Amino acid sequence: MSNHLPYVIAAYSVFLVVLAWDFLAPRLQLRRILRQAQLRSKRRQPAPAPSLQELER
């Protein structure tokens, strides 16, 4: 086993990195998409209607 140890350690390391990426990537993507949608909705809000006092002048 000792001559295979570096290979086993490398294989498990790569597996853990890929597993962590598969866990984090969708969450980061969802967070980015929600933030973009929130910013888009803020930009599309109509301007407030002028008050009646403004029209009477």
PDB file of N, CA and C in Angstrom:
ATOM      1  N   MET A   1       0.824  -1.196   0.000  1.00  0.00           N
ATOM      2  CA  MET A   1       0.000   0.000   0.000  1.00  0.00           C
ATOM      3  C   MET A   1       0.862   1.251   0.000  1.00  0.00           C
ATOM      4  N   SER A   2       2.039   1.184   0.538  1.00  0.00           N
ATOM      5  CA  SER A   2       2.849   2.392   0.672  1.00  0.00           C
ATOM      6  C   SER A   2       3.244   2.986  -0.680  1.00  0.00           C
ATOM      7  N   ASN A   3       3.422   2.169  -1.709  1.00  0.00           N
ATOM      8  CA  ASN A   3       3.789   2.755  -2.998  1.00  0.00           C
ATOM      9  C   ASN A   3       2.559   3.305  -3.740  1.00  0.00           C
ATOM     10  N   HIS A   4       1.352   2.990  -3.284  1.00  0.00           N
ATOM     11  CA  HIS A   4       0.139   3.529  -3.877  1.00  0.00           C
ATOM     12  C   HIS A   4      -0.421   4.705  -3.075  1.00  0.00           C
ATOM     13  N   LEU A   5       0.181   4.991  -1.959  1.00  0.00           N
ATOM     14  CA  LEU A   5      -0.347   6.025  -1.065  1.00  0.00           C
ATOM     15  C   LEU A   5      -0.451   7.398  -1.732  1.00  0.00           C
ATOM     16  N   PRO A   6       0.551   7.888  -2.450  1.00  0.00           N
ATOM     17  CA  PRO A   6       0.396   9.202  -3.087  1.00  0.00           C
ATOM     18  C   PRO A   6      -0.770   9.232  -4.086  1.00  0.00           C
ATOM     19  N   TYR A   7      -0.962   8.168  -4.828  1.00  0.00           N
ATOM     20  CA  TYR A   7      -2.072   8.102  -5.780  1.00  0.00           C
ATOM     21  C   TYR A   7      -3.413   8.135  -5.052  1.00  0.00           C
ATOM     22  N   VAL A   8      -3.532   7.396  -3.982  1.00  0.00           N
ATOM     23  CA  VAL A   8      -4.786   7.345  -3.222  1.00  0.00           C
ATOM     24  C   VAL A   8      -5.084   8.706  -2.605  1.00  0.00           C
ATOM     25  N   ILE A   9      -4.080   9.343  -2.052  1.00  0.00           N
ATOM     26  CA  ILE A   9      -4.264  10.672  -1.455  1.00  0.00           C
ATOM     27  C   ILE A   9      -4.689  11.671  -2.524  1.00  0.00           C
ATOM     28  N   ALA A  10      -4.043  11.640  -3.686  1.00  0.00           N
ATOM     29  CA  ALA A  10      -4.395  12.549  -4.777  1.00  0.00           C
ATOM     30  C   ALA A  10      -5.807  12.281  -5.277  1.00  0.00           C
ATOM     31  N   ALA A  11      -6.175  11.022  -5.412  1.00  0.00           N
ATOM     32  CA  ALA A  11      -7.510  10.680  -5.898  1.00  0.00           C
ATOM     33  C   ALA A  11      -8.583  11.154  -4.919  1.00  0.00           C
ATOM     34  N   TYR A  12      -8.380  10.933  -3.639  1.00  0.00           N
ATOM     35  CA  TYR A  12      -9.352  11.398  -2.651  1.00  0.00           C
ATOM     36  C   TYR A  12      -9.403  12.925  -2.603  1.00  0.00           C
ATOM     37  N   SER A  13      -8.281  13.576  -2.757  1.00  0.00           N
ATOM     38  CA  SER A  13      -8.251  15.041  -2.756  1.00  0.00           C
ATOM     39  C   SER A  13      -9.049  15.597  -3.929  1.00  0.00           C
ATOM     40  N   VAL A  14      -8.824  15.049  -5.104  1.00  0.00           N
ATOM     41  CA  VAL A  14      -9.570  15.500  -6.279  1.00  0.00           C
ATOM     42  C   VAL A  14     -11.059  15.236  -6.086  1.00  0.00           C
ATOM     43  N   PHE A  15     -11.397  14.079  -5.560  1.00  0.00           N
ATOM     44  CA  PHE A  15     -12.798  13.746  -5.313  1.00  0.00           C
ATOM     45  C   PHE A  15     -13.435  14.755  -4.365  1.00  0.00           C
ATOM     46  N   LEU A  16     -12.758  15.114  -3.293  1.00  0.00           N
ATOM     47  CA  LEU A  16     -13.313  16.056  -2.323  1.00  0.00           C
ATOM     48  C   LEU A  16     -13.470  17.453  -2.916  1.00  0.00           C
ATOM     49  N   VAL A  17     -12.517  17.864  -3.736  1.00  0.00           N
ATOM     50  CA  VAL A  17     -12.619  19.180  -4.384  1.00  0.00           C
ATOM     51  C   VAL A  17     -13.811  19.206  -5.335  1.00  0.00           C
ATOM     52  N   VAL A  18     -13.984  18.161  -6.129  1.00  0.00           N
ATOM     53  CA  VAL A  18     -15.109  18.102  -7.063  1.00  0.00           C
ATOM     54  C   VAL A  18     -16.426  18.023  -6.300  1.00  0.00           C
ATOM     55  N   LEU A  19     -16.469  17.275  -5.239  1.00  0.00           N
ATOM     56  CA  LEU A  19     -17.676  17.168  -4.426  1.00  0.00           C
ATOM     57  C   LEU A  19     -18.040  18.524  -3.821  1.00  0.00           C
ATOM     58  N   ALA A  20     -17.056  19.240  -3.318  1.00  0.00           N
ATOM     59  CA  ALA A  20     -17.309  20.567  -2.758  1.00  0.00           C
ATOM     60  C   ALA A  20     -17.800  21.528  -3.839  1.00  0.00           C
ATOM     61  N   TRP A  21     -17.206  21.466  -5.025  1.00  0.00           N
ATOM     62  CA  TRP A  21     -17.638  22.341  -6.115  1.00  0.00           C
ATOM     63  C   TRP A  21     -19.074  22.014  -6.536  1.00  0.00           C
ATOM     64  N   ASP A  22     -19.411  20.737  -6.602  1.00  0.00           N
ATOM     65  CA  ASP A  22     -20.773  20.338  -6.962  1.00  0.00           C
ATOM     66  C   ASP A  22     -21.782  20.797  -5.910  1.00  0.00           C
ATOM     67  N   PHE A  23     -21.348  20.951  -4.695  1.00  0.00           N
ATOM     68  CA  PHE A  23     -22.226  21.431  -3.636  1.00  0.00           C
ATOM     69  C   PHE A  23     -22.382  22.956  -3.696  1.00  0.00           C
ATOM     70  N   LEU A  24     -21.287  23.679  -3.945  1.00  0.00           N
ATOM     71  CA  LEU A  24     -21.300  25.131  -3.877  1.00  0.00           C
ATOM     72  C   LEU A  24     -21.759  25.819  -5.160  1.00  0.00           C
ATOM     73  N   ALA A  25     -21.429  25.286  -6.301  1.00  0.00           N
ATOM     74  CA  ALA A  25     -21.699  25.967  -7.570  1.00  0.00           C
ATOM     75  C   ALA A  25     -23.182  26.291  -7.769  1.00  0.00           C
ATOM     76  N   PRO A  26     -24.110  25.371  -7.558  1.00  0.00           N
ATOM     77  CA  PRO A  26     -25.526  25.727  -7.751  1.00  0.00           C
ATOM     78  C   PRO A  26     -26.008  26.801  -6.774  1.00  0.00           C
ATOM     79  N   ARG A  27     -25.508  26.775  -5.560  1.00  0.00           N
ATOM     80  CA  ARG A  27     -25.918  27.784  -4.581  1.00  0.00           C
ATOM     81  C   ARG A  27     -25.408  29.169  -4.973  1.00  0.00           C
ATOM     82  N   LEU A  28     -24.174  29.238  -5.444  1.00  0.00           N
ATOM     83  CA  LEU A  28     -23.627  30.519  -5.886  1.00  0.00           C
ATOM     84  C   LEU A  28     -24.370  31.026  -7.118  1.00  0.00           C
ATOM     85  N   GLN A  29     -24.702  30.138  -8.032  1.00  0.00           N
ATOM     86  CA  GLN A  29     -25.433  30.521  -9.226  1.00  0.00           C
ATOM     87  C   GLN A  29     -26.833  31.024  -8.868  1.00  0.00           C
ATOM     88  N   LEU A  30     -27.508  30.345  -7.967  1.00  0.00           N
ATOM     89  CA  LEU A  30     -28.846  30.764  -7.542  1.00  0.00           C
ATOM     90  C   LEU A  30     -28.794  32.129  -6.865  1.00  0.00           C
ATOM     91  N   ARG A  31     -27.800  32.349  -6.026  1.00  0.00           N
ATOM     92  CA  ARG A  31     -27.652  33.637  -5.346  1.00  0.00           C
ATOM     93  C   ARG A  31     -27.439  34.762  -6.359  1.00  0.00           C
ATOM     94  N   ARG A  32     -26.609  34.498  -7.387  1.00  0.00           N
ATOM     95  CA  ARG A  32     -26.340  35.493  -8.418  1.00  0.00           C
ATOM     96  C   ARG A  32     -27.600  35.797  -9.232  1.00  0.00           C
ATOM     97  N   ILE A  33     -28.345  34.769  -9.579  1.00  0.00           N
ATOM     98  CA  ILE A  33     -29.569  34.959 -10.369  1.00  0.00           C
ATOM     99  C   ILE A  33     -30.615  35.736  -9.566  1.00  0.00           C
ATOM    100  N   LEU A  34     -30.769  35.416  -8.294  1.00  0.00           N
ATOM    101  CA  LEU A  34     -31.731  36.137  -7.462  1.00  0.00           C
ATOM    102  C   LEU A  34     -31.340  37.603  -7.294  1.00  0.00           C
ATOM    103  N   ARG A  35     -30.044  37.867  -7.145  1.00  0.00           N
ATOM    104  CA  ARG A  35     -29.577  39.248  -7.008  1.00  0.00           C
ATOM    105  C   ARG A  35     -29.832  40.024  -8.298  1.00  0.00           C
ATOM    106  N   GLN A  36     -29.583  39.401  -9.454  1.00  0.00           N
ATOM    107  CA  GLN A  36     -29.847  40.061 -10.732  1.00  0.00           C
ATOM    108  C   GLN A  36     -31.331  40.358 -10.906  1.00  0.00           C
ATOM    109  N   ALA A  37     -32.188  39.423 -10.519  1.00  0.00           N
ATOM    110  CA  ALA A  37     -33.631  39.633 -10.633  1.00  0.00           C
ATOM    111  C   ALA A  37     -34.087  40.756  -9.707  1.00  0.00           C
ATOM    112  N   GLN A  38     -33.515  40.818  -8.533  1.00  0.00           N
ATOM    113  CA  GLN A  38     -33.875  41.864  -7.585  1.00  0.00           C
ATOM    114  C   GLN A  38     -33.468  43.234  -8.128  1.00  0.00           C
ATOM    115  N   LEU A  39     -32.267  43.339  -8.686  1.00  0.00           N
ATOM    116  CA  LEU A  39     -31.822  44.608  -9.252  1.00  0.00           C
ATOM    117  C   LEU A  39     -32.668  44.997 -10.458  1.00  0.00           C
ATOM    118  N   ARG A  40     -33.043  44.016 -11.278  1.00  0.00           N
ATOM    119  CA  ARG A  40     -33.874  44.279 -12.441  1.00  0.00           C
ATOM    120  C   ARG A  40     -35.248  44.790 -12.018  1.00  0.00           C
ATOM    121  N   SER A  41     -35.817  44.224 -10.967  1.00  0.00           N
ATOM    122  CA  SER A  41     -37.139  44.663 -10.518  1.00  0.00           C
ATOM    123  C   SER A  41     -37.076  46.069  -9.919  1.00  0.00           C
ATOM    124  N   LYS A  42     -35.979  46.427  -9.288  1.00  0.00           N
ATOM    125  CA  LYS A  42     -35.835  47.781  -8.749  1.00  0.00           C
ATOM    126  C   LYS A  42     -35.749  48.812  -9.867  1.00  0.00           C
ATOM    127  N   ARG A  43     -35.091  48.454 -10.970  1.00  0.00           N
ATOM    128  CA  ARG A  43     -34.962  49.383 -12.092  1.00  0.00           C
ATOM    129  C   ARG A  43     -36.293  49.597 -12.800  1.00  0.00           C
ATOM    130  N   ARG A  44     -37.188  48.622 -12.776  1.00  0.00           N
ATOM    131  CA  ARG A  44     -38.429  48.698 -13.531  1.00  0.00           C
ATOM    132  C   ARG A  44     -39.571  49.321 -12.756  1.00  0.00           C
ATOM    133  N   GLN A  45     -39.358  49.707 -11.513  1.00  0.00           N
ATOM    134  CA  GLN A  45     -40.438  50.305 -10.738  1.00  0.00           C
ATOM    135  C   GLN A  45     -40.771  51.676 -11.317  1.00  0.00           C
ATOM    136  N   PRO A  46     -42.056  51.966 -11.522  1.00  0.00           N
ATOM    137  CA  PRO A  46     -42.435  53.255 -12.119  1.00  0.00           C
ATOM    138  C   PRO A  46     -42.131  54.413 -11.170  1.00  0.00           C
ATOM    139  N   ALA A  47     -41.956  55.575 -11.762  1.00  0.00           N
ATOM    140  CA  ALA A  47     -41.703  56.775 -10.963  1.00  0.00           C
ATOM    141  C   ALA A  47     -42.971  57.121 -10.197  1.00  0.00           C
ATOM    142  N   PRO A  48     -42.829  57.684  -9.017  1.00  0.00           N
ATOM    143  CA  PRO A  48     -44.023  58.031  -8.238  1.00  0.00           C
ATOM    144  C   PRO A  48     -44.835  59.108  -8.963  1.00  0.00           C
ATOM    145  N   ALA A  49     -46.136  59.012  -8.830  1.00  0.00           N
ATOM    146  CA  ALA A  49     -47.026  59.991  -9.468  1.00  0.00           C
ATOM    147  C   ALA A  49     -46.847  61.344  -8.788  1.00  0.00           C
ATOM    148  N   PRO A  50     -46.962  62.420  -9.542  1.00  0.00           N
ATOM    149  CA  PRO A  50     -46.815  63.748  -8.922  1.00  0.00           C
ATOM    150  C   PRO A  50     -47.963  64.000  -7.949  1.00  0.00           C
ATOM    151  N   SER A  51     -47.674  64.712  -6.895  1.00  0.00           N
ATOM    152  CA  SER A  51     -48.712  64.990  -5.900  1.00  0.00           C
ATOM    153  C   SER A  51     -49.652  66.076  -6.414  1.00  0.00           C
ATOM    154  N   LEU A  52     -50.809  66.197  -5.786  1.00  0.00           N
ATOM    155  CA  LEU A  52     -51.794  67.192  -6.211  1.00  0.00           C
ATOM    156  C   LEU A  52     -51.292  68.617  -5.990  1.00  0.00           C
ATOM    157  N   GLN A  53     -50.483  68.823  -4.984  1.00  0.00           N
ATOM    158  CA  GLN A  53     -49.962  70.159  -4.716  1.00  0.00           C
ATOM    159  C   GLN A  53     -49.068  70.624  -5.874  1.00  0.00           C
ATOM    160  N   GLU A  54     -48.368  69.713  -6.477  1.00  0.00           N
ATOM    161  CA  GLU A  54     -47.510  70.070  -7.600  1.00  0.00           C
ATOM    162  C   GLU A  54     -48.361  70.530  -8.781  1.00  0.00           C
ATOM    163  N   LEU A  55     -49.536  69.929  -8.989  1.00  0.00           N
ATOM    164  CA  LEU A  55     -50.368  70.267 -10.125  1.00  0.00           C
ATOM    165  C   LEU A  55     -51.092  71.597  -9.921  1.00  0.00           C
ATOM    166  N   GLU A  56     -51.339  72.007  -8.686  1.00  0.00           N
ATOM    167  CA  GLU A  56     -52.070  73.237  -8.417  1.00  0.00           C
ATOM    168  C   GLU A  56     -51.240  74.476  -8.636  1.00  0.00           C
ATOM    169  N   ARG A  57     -49.982  74.407  -8.624  1.00  0.00           N
ATOM    170  CA  ARG A  57     -49.147  75.602  -8.770  1.00  0.00           C
ATOM    171  C   ARG A  57     -49.248  76.154 -10.100  1.00  0.00           C
TER     172      ARG A  57
END
